[in-house]
Amino acid sequence: MEKSPLWSPAPRSETTGTPPGPGGSDSSPARPVFDRVSREVVALAARERMFRRVSKVLAAVSGGADSVACLLVLLGLRERFGFEVEAVHFDHKLRPESAADMDAVRKLCANLDVECVTGEGDVAAVAAKQRQGIEETARMMRYQFLAFAAGKEGADCIATGHTADDQAETVLMRIVRGSGVRGIRGMLPVAGVPGAPERRLVRPLLGVARADTEAICAEFGITPIVDPSNADLSYTRNRVRGTVLEQLRALNPSVEAALRGLAESAREAFSLIEKRSFEVQPRERGPVGAIFALGPFRELPSEALTLVIEREAAFYHLKPDVNRTRVANLRAVLAKGTGTVHFGDTVVEASCGVIRLGPRLEPVDPLPAAVLNVPGSTRAGPWRVDVLTSEVDPTPGSPVIALAAGTSTGALRVRSLQPGERMIWHGVERKVSDMLVNEKVPAWERPGIVAVADSVRLLGLFVATRTFVTDTQGEPGLWVRLAAIPQPR
């Protein structure tokens, strides 16, 4: 991974000293909170398969009680799970004390005989340049550096010290923002790193109270760093922690536990939604996108629809902008059976009983009329048109229209379909636009239709993989074959 311009690695510290022996021996002092939390982490890790196929864990250490306790617990469990532990620290440069905090983390890691990778970045400058909030920018830059460090150090996962208290705060903030079931799950014990989903992020202390992390630090005689910005109520999380939750405790003293329970319920519900989303698969995937049957697609719950949109967009390397308003608009389109909704660079379009989910399509240039060589080959825009006097079978990339001998009046030509044109189809002269709707030709296939005509009338249509031929008398005498000319890349 290339080094980000938003941060830079700091000089590596020398690691010396002897660790205080987390997990200890008979000569170790009693550490009841550490021992209990370690057992809880073992249970969570087993349930979530947290450390499966993990040989090195990179522990994010800010120096606060939560991250220090996480590091200590991981050190105590490394033999049980068979992984190495390294630490990583990122200096956001938001406080005058941040350089001293980095030194303190380095010294702690040296005493624990743990390698420490450090980095730094000017969060305030980047936030101002990108016109986004300090909290959002700090999170983005921190995770970006963690992902870089994990790749550089060969770590299989990154561990953070998020606790049960953090989980309750996160769930409450997402409720206030109007998140759906997926958001109300809160933080997951195992997830992808934000911005780098290919990197595994684990949260071993997600079921552990913040008070327990402080107790663990005390049991080891470690004084954690206290970040004074945690008391700054201009930050959303601090207001939730220091004001909103305090008021909610007056209504329910166990509000944090209730919020965590809600997160677990949402997680179970979301797993069913996710499973439901996989029940609807596309009929095909092609250059225009994934094609679904309208009926099953329409029956999906809104959150399952969102998952399908995101999944198929990822297949086409798109980045959909999905929100409730757009999903509601899509619901209206699906109910009507026709229409288009744009999710940023991703389009969901309903037409003729099918759905197209894929990229925005470029306008199709009109095809200038080209008189065909009979027999012979003719170039017409991006197409090669062969007119043959002996029968030829169509292939997936080369459809064929068979015309009766003597059908054409004047020169045979290909061109674009014209508005309002009519064609004899099944014994009746019809408007081509009506015929296409009746024959379930979806809207996105119509602009690229190639018409075969003479000087008087339409004789046939090439419509994507299908062909339509006017009613004629007599045995076929000409075979018109259409093939795309390979375009230079």
Protein backbone atom coordinates (compact mmCIF):
# COMPACT_ATOMS: atom_id res chain seq x y z
CA MET A 1 0.00 0.00 0.00
CA GLU A 2 1.42 3.44 -0.88
CA LYS A 3 2.09 5.86 1.94
CA SER A 4 -0.75 8.33 2.37
CA PRO A 5 -0.03 12.05 2.02
CA LEU A 6 -2.17 12.67 5.12
CA TRP A 7 0.23 11.15 7.63
CA SER A 8 3.81 9.99 7.97
CA PRO A 9 5.46 7.20 9.99
CA ALA A 10 7.33 8.39 13.05
CA PRO A 11 10.76 6.96 13.98
CA ARG A 12 10.56 3.42 15.39
CA SER A 13 11.36 3.08 19.10
CA GLU A 14 13.82 0.64 20.62
CA THR A 15 11.99 -2.02 22.63
CA THR A 16 13.77 -3.10 25.77
CA GLY A 17 12.75 -4.38 29.15
CA THR A 18 10.64 -7.24 30.43
CA PRO A 19 6.86 -7.41 30.19
CA PRO A 20 4.96 -7.51 33.49
CA GLY A 21 3.64 -10.94 32.59
CA PRO A 22 -0.06 -10.62 31.75
CA GLY A 23 -1.78 -13.85 32.58
CA GLY A 24 0.99 -14.34 35.10
CA SER A 25 2.37 -17.22 37.07
CA ASP A 26 1.97 -18.24 40.69
CA SER A 27 4.36 -15.43 41.67
CA SER A 28 2.29 -12.78 39.85
CA PRO A 29 0.08 -10.48 41.93
CA ALA A 30 -3.64 -11.20 41.94
CA ARG A 31 -5.40 -9.50 39.04
CA PRO A 32 -9.02 -10.59 39.31
CA VAL A 33 -10.46 -8.08 36.83
CA PHE A 34 -7.79 -8.89 34.26
CA ASP A 35 -8.41 -12.61 34.67
CA ARG A 36 -12.19 -12.24 34.35
CA VAL A 37 -11.94 -9.96 31.32
CA SER A 38 -9.46 -12.36 29.70
CA ARG A 39 -11.97 -15.18 30.07
CA GLU A 40 -14.69 -13.00 28.55
CA VAL A 41 -12.43 -12.14 25.62
CA VAL A 42 -11.62 -15.83 25.06
CA ALA A 43 -15.36 -16.59 24.94
CA LEU A 44 -16.06 -13.71 22.53
CA ALA A 45 -13.11 -14.64 20.33
CA ALA A 46 -14.27 -18.25 20.12
CA ARG A 47 -17.85 -17.25 19.33
CA GLU A 48 -16.80 -14.77 16.64
CA ARG A 49 -13.79 -16.77 15.36
CA MET A 50 -11.92 -13.56 16.00
CA PHE A 51 -8.37 -14.88 15.81
CA ARG A 52 -8.87 -17.67 13.28
CA ARG A 53 -5.82 -17.90 11.02
CA VAL A 54 -4.19 -14.95 12.77
CA SER A 55 -0.44 -15.05 13.37
CA LYS A 56 0.11 -11.38 14.20
CA VAL A 57 -2.19 -8.82 15.84
CA LEU A 58 -1.55 -5.08 15.60
CA ALA A 59 -3.02 -3.44 18.72
CA ALA A 60 -4.03 0.21 18.34
CA VAL A 61 -2.80 1.97 21.48
CA SER A 62 -3.66 5.59 22.20
CA GLY A 63 -2.40 5.36 25.77
CA GLY A 64 -5.88 5.57 27.27
CA ALA A 65 -7.22 2.93 29.65
CA ASP A 66 -9.24 1.06 27.01
CA SER A 67 -6.42 0.60 24.50
CA VAL A 68 -3.82 -0.20 27.18
CA ALA A 69 -6.11 -2.83 28.72
CA CYS A 70 -6.69 -4.30 25.26
CA LEU A 71 -2.93 -4.56 24.69
CA LEU A 72 -2.42 -6.24 28.08
CA VAL A 73 -5.20 -8.76 27.46
CA LEU A 74 -3.83 -9.60 24.00
CA LEU A 75 -0.37 -10.14 25.47
CA GLY A 76 -1.88 -12.46 28.04
CA LEU A 77 -3.66 -14.49 25.36
CA ARG A 78 -0.96 -14.67 22.71
CA GLU A 79 0.23 -18.12 23.72
CA ARG A 80 -3.31 -19.46 23.89
CA PHE A 81 -4.14 -18.26 20.38
CA GLY A 82 -0.65 -18.54 18.93
CA PHE A 83 -0.23 -14.99 17.63
CA GLU A 84 2.39 -12.26 17.99
CA VAL A 85 1.39 -8.83 19.24
CA GLU A 86 2.67 -5.46 18.06
CA ALA A 87 1.39 -2.01 18.98
CA VAL A 88 0.58 0.95 16.77
CA HIS A 89 0.04 4.58 17.81
CA PHE A 90 -1.14 7.52 15.71
CA ASP A 91 -0.56 11.14 16.72
CA HIS A 92 -3.41 13.33 15.44
CA LYS A 93 -1.53 16.53 16.44
CA LEU A 94 -4.69 18.00 17.90
CA ARG A 95 -3.24 18.74 21.36
CA PRO A 96 0.07 20.18 22.57
CA GLU A 97 0.54 17.04 24.69
CA SER A 98 0.22 14.62 21.77
CA ALA A 99 3.99 14.23 21.24
CA ALA A 100 4.40 13.41 24.94
CA ASP A 101 1.57 10.88 24.63
CA MET A 102 3.43 9.16 21.79
CA ASP A 103 6.58 8.98 23.93
CA ALA A 104 4.57 7.53 26.82
CA VAL A 105 3.14 4.81 24.57
CA ARG A 106 6.61 4.00 23.27
CA LYS A 107 7.95 3.66 26.80
CA LEU A 108 5.03 1.46 27.83
CA CYS A 109 5.63 -0.79 24.84
CA ALA A 110 9.35 -0.91 25.61
CA ASN A 111 8.58 -2.03 29.16
CA LEU A 112 6.26 -4.70 27.78
CA ASP A 113 8.85 -5.75 25.18
CA VAL A 114 6.38 -4.99 22.42
CA GLU A 115 7.33 -3.53 19.05
CA CYS A 116 5.61 -0.16 18.53
CA VAL A 117 4.84 1.38 15.14
CA THR A 118 4.02 5.09 15.25
CA GLY A 119 2.69 7.62 12.79
CA GLU A 120 1.45 11.19 12.79
CA GLY A 121 -0.75 13.49 10.76
CA ASP A 122 -2.06 17.05 10.97
CA VAL A 123 -5.77 16.31 11.34
CA ALA A 124 -6.81 19.95 11.73
CA ALA A 125 -5.07 20.98 8.50
CA VAL A 126 -6.55 18.10 6.53
CA ALA A 127 -10.03 18.75 7.95
CA ALA A 128 -9.83 22.40 6.90
CA LYS A 129 -8.54 21.53 3.44
CA GLN A 130 -11.21 18.89 2.84
CA ARG A 131 -13.94 20.93 4.56
CA GLN A 132 -15.05 18.18 6.88
CA GLY A 133 -15.33 17.75 10.65
CA ILE A 134 -12.41 17.10 12.98
CA GLU A 135 -13.95 13.87 14.31
CA GLU A 136 -14.58 12.47 10.83
CA THR A 137 -11.12 13.44 9.60
CA ALA A 138 -9.35 12.05 12.66
CA ARG A 139 -11.13 8.73 12.28
CA MET A 140 -10.38 8.54 8.57
CA MET A 141 -6.68 9.34 8.98
CA ARG A 142 -6.27 7.03 11.97
CA TYR A 143 -7.77 4.02 10.21
CA GLN A 144 -5.85 4.82 7.06
CA PHE A 145 -2.59 4.67 9.02
CA LEU A 146 -3.64 1.52 10.88
CA ALA A 147 -4.31 -0.23 7.57
CA PHE A 148 -0.95 0.93 6.21
CA ALA A 149 0.87 -0.24 9.34
CA ALA A 150 -0.86 -3.62 9.27
CA GLY A 151 0.29 -4.16 5.71
CA LYS A 152 3.82 -3.03 6.45
CA GLU A 153 4.14 -5.21 9.56
CA GLY A 154 2.43 -8.25 8.06
CA ALA A 155 -0.34 -8.20 10.66
CA ASP A 156 -3.43 -10.32 10.00
CA CYS A 157 -5.73 -8.05 11.98
CA ILE A 158 -5.92 -4.77 13.85
CA ALA A 159 -7.32 -4.74 17.40
CA THR A 160 -8.93 -1.68 18.97
CA GLY A 161 -9.96 -1.11 22.57
CA HIS A 162 -13.63 -0.27 21.96
CA THR A 163 -15.71 -1.22 24.99
CA ALA A 164 -19.32 -1.93 25.85
CA ASP A 165 -19.71 1.74 26.82
CA ASP A 166 -18.51 2.79 23.36
CA GLN A 167 -21.03 0.39 21.85
CA ALA A 168 -23.93 1.93 23.78
CA GLU A 169 -22.85 5.43 22.71
CA THR A 170 -22.51 4.36 19.08
CA VAL A 171 -25.96 2.76 18.99
CA LEU A 172 -27.56 5.84 20.52
CA MET A 173 -25.84 8.17 18.03
CA ARG A 174 -27.01 6.03 15.13
CA ILE A 175 -30.57 5.98 16.41
CA VAL A 176 -30.52 9.78 16.55
CA ARG A 177 -29.18 9.91 12.98
CA GLY A 178 -32.00 7.67 11.77
CA SER A 179 -29.94 4.59 10.93
CA GLY A 180 -31.66 1.41 9.83
CA VAL A 181 -31.18 -2.08 11.20
CA ARG A 182 -27.64 -2.31 9.84
CA GLY A 183 -26.54 0.85 11.64
CA ILE A 184 -28.23 0.01 14.92
CA ARG A 185 -26.06 -3.09 15.15
CA GLY A 186 -23.40 -0.67 16.31
CA MET A 187 -19.81 -1.81 16.12
CA LEU A 188 -19.15 -5.42 15.20
CA PRO A 189 -16.65 -7.63 17.03
CA VAL A 190 -15.07 -8.51 13.68
CA ALA A 191 -15.30 -6.22 10.66
CA GLY A 192 -13.29 -4.67 7.87
CA VAL A 193 -11.17 -1.61 8.55
CA PRO A 194 -13.13 1.52 7.51
CA GLY A 195 -11.72 2.61 4.17
CA ALA A 196 -9.74 -0.63 3.79
CA PRO A 197 -12.29 -3.46 4.11
CA GLU A 198 -9.75 -6.06 3.03
CA ARG A 199 -8.04 -5.55 6.41
CA ARG A 200 -9.60 -7.29 9.42
CA LEU A 201 -10.54 -5.17 12.44
CA VAL A 202 -11.30 -6.89 15.77
CA ARG A 203 -12.72 -5.43 18.98
CA PRO A 204 -11.88 -7.90 21.78
CA LEU A 205 -13.26 -5.67 24.57
CA LEU A 206 -16.64 -4.93 22.99
CA GLY A 207 -18.41 -6.73 25.84
CA VAL A 208 -16.23 -5.19 28.57
CA ALA A 209 -17.20 -2.16 30.67
CA ARG A 210 -14.97 0.92 30.62
CA ALA A 211 -14.64 0.67 34.38
CA ASP A 212 -13.01 -2.73 33.92
CA THR A 213 -10.33 -1.34 31.61
CA GLU A 214 -9.46 1.26 34.23
CA ALA A 215 -9.31 -1.47 36.86
CA ILE A 216 -6.97 -3.56 34.70
CA CYS A 217 -4.57 -0.64 34.33
CA ALA A 218 -4.63 -0.20 38.11
CA GLU A 219 -3.91 -3.91 38.64
CA PHE A 220 -0.76 -3.54 36.52
CA GLY A 221 0.28 -0.28 38.13
CA ILE A 222 -0.12 1.63 34.87
CA THR A 223 -1.42 5.19 34.83
CA PRO A 224 -3.26 5.62 31.52
CA ILE A 225 -3.29 8.84 29.56
CA VAL A 226 -6.39 10.96 30.11
CA ASP A 227 -7.29 12.92 27.01
CA PRO A 228 -8.77 16.27 28.14
CA SER A 229 -10.62 16.55 24.83
CA ASN A 230 -12.91 13.74 26.08
CA ALA A 231 -14.59 16.42 28.20
CA ASP A 232 -15.09 18.76 25.24
CA LEU A 233 -18.85 18.80 24.61
CA SER A 234 -18.40 20.23 21.12
CA TYR A 235 -17.73 16.63 20.03
CA THR A 236 -20.87 14.56 19.40
CA ARG A 237 -19.71 11.44 21.22
CA ASN A 238 -18.72 13.46 24.28
CA ARG A 239 -22.16 15.10 24.41
CA VAL A 240 -23.82 11.70 24.16
CA ARG A 241 -21.54 10.29 26.86
CA GLY A 242 -21.63 13.22 29.25
CA THR A 243 -25.12 14.66 28.77
CA VAL A 244 -27.58 12.51 26.82
CA LEU A 245 -26.83 9.16 28.48
CA GLU A 246 -26.81 10.81 31.88
CA GLN A 247 -30.34 12.09 31.28
CA LEU A 248 -31.48 8.72 29.93
CA ARG A 249 -30.20 6.98 33.06
CA ALA A 250 -32.81 8.93 34.99
CA LEU A 251 -35.42 7.07 32.92
CA ASN A 252 -33.60 3.74 32.87
CA PRO A 253 -30.55 3.16 35.09
CA SER A 254 -29.60 0.27 32.78
CA VAL A 255 -29.89 2.26 29.56
CA GLU A 256 -26.40 1.22 28.35
CA ALA A 257 -27.29 -2.45 28.72
CA ALA A 258 -30.59 -1.80 26.93
CA LEU A 259 -28.79 -0.16 24.02
CA ARG A 260 -26.32 -3.02 23.78
CA GLY A 261 -29.22 -5.47 23.81
CA LEU A 262 -30.83 -3.51 20.99
CA ALA A 263 -27.59 -3.80 19.02
CA GLU A 264 -27.59 -7.58 19.47
CA SER A 265 -31.22 -7.81 18.36
CA ALA A 266 -30.45 -5.66 15.33
CA ARG A 267 -27.50 -7.86 14.49
CA GLU A 268 -29.71 -10.96 14.50
CA ALA A 269 -32.36 -9.21 12.42
CA PHE A 270 -29.79 -7.96 9.93
CA SER A 271 -28.41 -11.45 9.42
CA LEU A 272 -31.90 -12.48 8.25
CA ILE A 273 -32.13 -9.42 5.99
CA GLU A 274 -28.73 -10.24 4.52
CA LYS A 275 -29.79 -13.83 3.90
CA ARG A 276 -32.97 -12.58 2.24
CA SER A 277 -30.97 -10.31 -0.06
CA PHE A 278 -29.04 -13.30 -1.43
CA GLU A 279 -32.28 -15.05 -2.36
CA VAL A 280 -32.70 -12.67 -5.30
CA GLN A 281 -30.00 -13.21 -7.89
CA PRO A 282 -29.63 -11.62 -11.34
CA ARG A 283 -30.68 -13.53 -14.43
CA GLU A 284 -27.51 -12.34 -16.09
CA ARG A 285 -24.70 -9.84 -15.79
CA GLY A 286 -23.53 -7.99 -18.87
CA PRO A 287 -22.06 -4.68 -20.01
CA VAL A 288 -25.26 -2.78 -19.19
CA GLY A 289 -25.48 -4.21 -15.67
CA ALA A 290 -27.17 -6.98 -13.73
CA ILE A 291 -30.64 -7.97 -14.95
CA PHE A 292 -33.25 -9.10 -12.39
CA ALA A 293 -36.85 -10.23 -12.65
CA LEU A 294 -39.09 -7.43 -11.41
CA GLY A 295 -41.34 -9.54 -9.16
CA PRO A 296 -38.79 -11.00 -6.72
CA PHE A 297 -36.80 -7.74 -6.73
CA ARG A 298 -39.91 -5.75 -5.80
CA GLU A 299 -40.68 -8.04 -2.85
CA LEU A 300 -37.35 -7.39 -1.10
CA PRO A 301 -37.44 -5.37 2.15
CA SER A 302 -35.83 -1.95 1.83
CA GLU A 303 -32.63 -2.88 3.66
CA ALA A 304 -32.28 -6.02 1.56
CA LEU A 305 -32.73 -3.86 -1.55
CA THR A 306 -29.92 -1.65 -0.32
CA LEU A 307 -27.65 -4.66 0.09
CA VAL A 308 -28.41 -5.90 -3.42
CA ILE A 309 -27.69 -2.46 -4.87
CA GLU A 310 -24.39 -2.22 -3.00
CA ARG A 311 -23.35 -5.75 -3.90
CA GLU A 312 -24.05 -5.43 -7.62
CA ALA A 313 -22.54 -1.94 -7.74
CA ALA A 314 -19.34 -3.35 -6.25
CA PHE A 315 -19.29 -5.98 -9.02
CA TYR A 316 -19.19 -3.12 -11.54
CA HIS A 317 -16.71 -1.07 -9.44
CA LEU A 318 -19.34 1.56 -8.72
CA LYS A 319 -19.92 3.53 -5.52
CA PRO A 320 -23.67 3.94 -5.01
CA ASP A 321 -25.03 6.77 -2.90
CA VAL A 322 -27.94 5.05 -1.15
CA ASN A 323 -30.25 6.85 1.24
CA ARG A 324 -33.81 6.47 2.46
CA THR A 325 -35.26 9.03 0.07
CA ARG A 326 -33.81 7.28 -2.97
CA VAL A 327 -34.90 3.87 -1.73
CA ALA A 328 -38.43 5.27 -1.25
CA ASN A 329 -38.31 6.60 -4.82
CA LEU A 330 -37.21 3.16 -5.99
CA ARG A 331 -40.14 1.60 -4.15
CA ALA A 332 -42.50 3.83 -6.16
CA VAL A 333 -40.77 2.87 -9.43
CA LEU A 334 -40.97 -0.83 -8.60
CA ALA A 335 -44.67 -0.54 -7.75
CA LYS A 336 -45.34 1.12 -11.11
CA GLY A 337 -43.03 -1.26 -12.97
CA THR A 338 -41.33 1.45 -14.97
CA GLY A 339 -38.89 4.26 -14.25
CA THR A 340 -35.35 5.01 -13.18
CA VAL A 341 -33.65 5.98 -9.90
CA HIS A 342 -30.06 7.21 -9.75
CA PHE A 343 -27.96 6.25 -6.73
CA GLY A 344 -24.97 8.41 -7.56
CA ASP A 345 -23.06 6.60 -10.30
CA THR A 346 -25.37 3.59 -10.02
CA VAL A 347 -28.69 3.25 -11.84
CA VAL A 348 -31.68 1.04 -11.04
CA GLU A 349 -34.10 0.96 -13.96
CA ALA A 350 -37.40 -0.91 -14.33
CA SER A 351 -38.87 -1.73 -17.73
CA CYS A 352 -40.95 -4.54 -19.25
CA GLY A 353 -40.91 -6.76 -16.18
CA VAL A 354 -37.16 -6.64 -15.59
CA ILE A 355 -34.69 -4.54 -13.61
CA ARG A 356 -31.34 -3.22 -14.74
CA LEU A 357 -28.88 -2.44 -11.96
CA GLY A 358 -25.60 -1.06 -13.20
CA PRO A 359 -23.71 1.96 -14.51
CA ARG A 360 -25.14 5.01 -16.21
CA LEU A 361 -25.32 4.28 -19.94
CA GLU A 362 -23.76 6.64 -22.44
CA PRO A 363 -26.12 8.04 -25.09
CA VAL A 364 -26.08 6.00 -28.30
CA ASP A 365 -25.10 7.98 -31.39
CA PRO A 366 -27.57 7.70 -34.28
CA LEU A 367 -26.48 5.19 -36.92
CA PRO A 368 -26.18 6.90 -40.32
CA ALA A 369 -27.91 5.03 -43.11
CA ALA A 370 -25.55 2.71 -44.97
CA VAL A 371 -26.45 1.00 -48.25
CA LEU A 372 -25.54 -2.68 -48.04
CA ASN A 373 -23.49 -4.64 -50.52
CA VAL A 374 -25.63 -7.54 -51.73
CA PRO A 375 -23.98 -9.94 -51.37
CA GLY A 376 -20.99 -8.72 -49.40
CA SER A 377 -19.90 -6.89 -46.26
CA THR A 378 -20.52 -3.28 -45.33
CA ARG A 379 -19.23 -1.20 -42.44
CA ALA A 380 -21.91 0.85 -40.70
CA GLY A 381 -20.65 2.80 -37.70
CA PRO A 382 -19.49 0.29 -35.08
CA TRP A 383 -21.01 -2.63 -37.02
CA ARG A 384 -20.06 -4.95 -39.84
CA VAL A 385 -23.09 -6.09 -41.80
CA ASP A 386 -22.77 -9.20 -43.95
CA VAL A 387 -25.39 -10.02 -46.58
CA LEU A 388 -25.20 -13.66 -47.65
CA THR A 389 -27.09 -15.68 -50.22
CA SER A 390 -26.75 -18.98 -48.37
CA GLU A 391 -28.11 -19.81 -44.95
CA VAL A 392 -25.95 -19.00 -41.94
CA ASP A 393 -26.73 -19.77 -38.32
CA PRO A 394 -26.76 -16.97 -35.76
CA THR A 395 -24.21 -16.98 -32.94
CA PRO A 396 -24.34 -15.16 -29.58
CA GLY A 397 -22.33 -12.25 -30.97
CA SER A 398 -23.72 -12.30 -34.50
CA PRO A 399 -27.53 -12.33 -34.85
CA VAL A 400 -29.03 -13.05 -38.28
CA ILE A 401 -32.16 -11.83 -40.04
CA ALA A 402 -33.50 -14.01 -42.88
CA LEU A 403 -35.33 -12.16 -45.67
CA ALA A 404 -37.41 -13.71 -48.43
CA ALA A 405 -35.98 -13.40 -51.91
CA GLY A 406 -37.31 -10.32 -53.66
CA THR A 407 -38.53 -8.75 -50.41
CA SER A 408 -36.75 -5.44 -50.74
CA THR A 409 -37.79 -2.52 -52.89
CA GLY A 410 -34.70 -0.65 -53.97
CA ALA A 411 -31.41 -0.68 -52.13
CA LEU A 412 -31.12 -2.59 -48.86
CA ARG A 413 -29.71 -0.50 -46.01
CA VAL A 414 -29.21 -0.36 -42.25
CA ARG A 415 -29.89 2.71 -40.10
CA SER A 416 -31.24 3.86 -36.76
CA LEU A 417 -34.89 3.40 -35.94
CA GLN A 418 -36.89 6.58 -36.55
CA PRO A 419 -39.57 7.97 -34.19
CA GLY A 420 -43.09 6.88 -35.09
CA GLU A 421 -42.02 4.16 -37.53
CA ARG A 422 -44.37 1.30 -38.22
CA MET A 423 -43.80 -2.33 -39.17
CA ILE A 424 -45.93 -5.28 -40.21
CA TRP A 425 -45.72 -7.76 -37.35
CA HIS A 426 -47.84 -10.90 -37.05
CA GLY A 427 -50.06 -9.74 -39.89
CA VAL A 428 -50.80 -6.31 -38.45
CA GLU A 429 -49.10 -3.00 -39.11
CA ARG A 430 -48.05 -1.63 -35.73
CA LYS A 431 -46.10 1.25 -34.28
CA VAL A 432 -42.67 -0.15 -33.55
CA SER A 433 -42.63 1.49 -30.11
CA ASP A 434 -45.84 -0.37 -29.16
CA MET A 435 -44.51 -3.60 -30.61
CA LEU A 436 -41.31 -3.34 -28.55
CA VAL A 437 -43.29 -2.83 -25.35
CA ASN A 438 -45.57 -5.77 -26.18
CA GLU A 439 -42.52 -7.92 -26.89
CA LYS A 440 -40.97 -6.93 -23.53
CA VAL A 441 -37.96 -5.13 -24.97
CA PRO A 442 -36.66 -3.06 -22.01
CA ALA A 443 -36.06 0.65 -22.40
CA TRP A 444 -32.26 0.41 -22.21
CA GLU A 445 -32.12 -1.88 -25.28
CA ARG A 446 -34.12 0.41 -27.56
CA PRO A 447 -31.64 3.25 -28.30
CA GLY A 448 -29.18 0.80 -29.87
CA ILE A 449 -31.63 -0.86 -32.29
CA VAL A 450 -30.27 -1.40 -35.80
CA ALA A 451 -33.00 -1.31 -38.45
CA VAL A 452 -32.84 -3.14 -41.79
CA ALA A 453 -34.92 -1.32 -44.41
CA ASP A 454 -35.37 -0.70 -48.09
CA SER A 455 -36.48 2.51 -49.72
CA VAL A 456 -40.10 1.91 -48.68
CA ARG A 457 -40.40 0.10 -45.35
CA LEU A 458 -38.81 -1.59 -42.38
CA LEU A 459 -37.84 -5.19 -42.99
CA GLY A 460 -36.25 -6.19 -39.71
CA LEU A 461 -34.75 -5.08 -36.42
CA PHE A 462 -31.65 -6.12 -34.53
CA VAL A 463 -32.51 -5.58 -30.84
CA ALA A 464 -29.66 -6.60 -28.53
CA THR A 465 -29.66 -10.41 -28.75
CA ARG A 466 -33.06 -10.64 -30.48
CA THR A 467 -34.28 -10.05 -34.01
CA PHE A 468 -37.66 -9.05 -35.45
CA VAL A 469 -38.55 -9.61 -39.11
CA THR A 470 -41.53 -8.22 -41.00
CA ASP A 471 -44.09 -10.69 -42.35
CA THR A 472 -42.99 -11.76 -45.84
CA GLN A 473 -44.00 -14.34 -48.42
CA GLY A 474 -41.63 -16.95 -49.80
CA GLU A 475 -38.53 -18.84 -48.80
CA PRO A 476 -35.55 -16.96 -47.35
CA GLY A 477 -33.09 -15.82 -49.99
CA LEU A 478 -30.92 -13.34 -48.10
CA TRP A 479 -29.34 -13.61 -44.68
CA VAL A 480 -28.30 -10.36 -42.99
CA ARG A 481 -25.75 -10.84 -40.22
CA LEU A 482 -24.72 -8.12 -37.74
CA ALA A 483 -21.39 -8.20 -35.91
CA ALA A 484 -19.73 -5.60 -33.72
CA ILE A 485 -16.37 -4.33 -34.96
CA PRO A 486 -13.77 -4.62 -32.17
CA GLN A 487 -12.90 -1.13 -30.95
CA PRO A 488 -9.33 -0.12 -30.01
CA ARG A 489 -8.84 0.28 -26.27
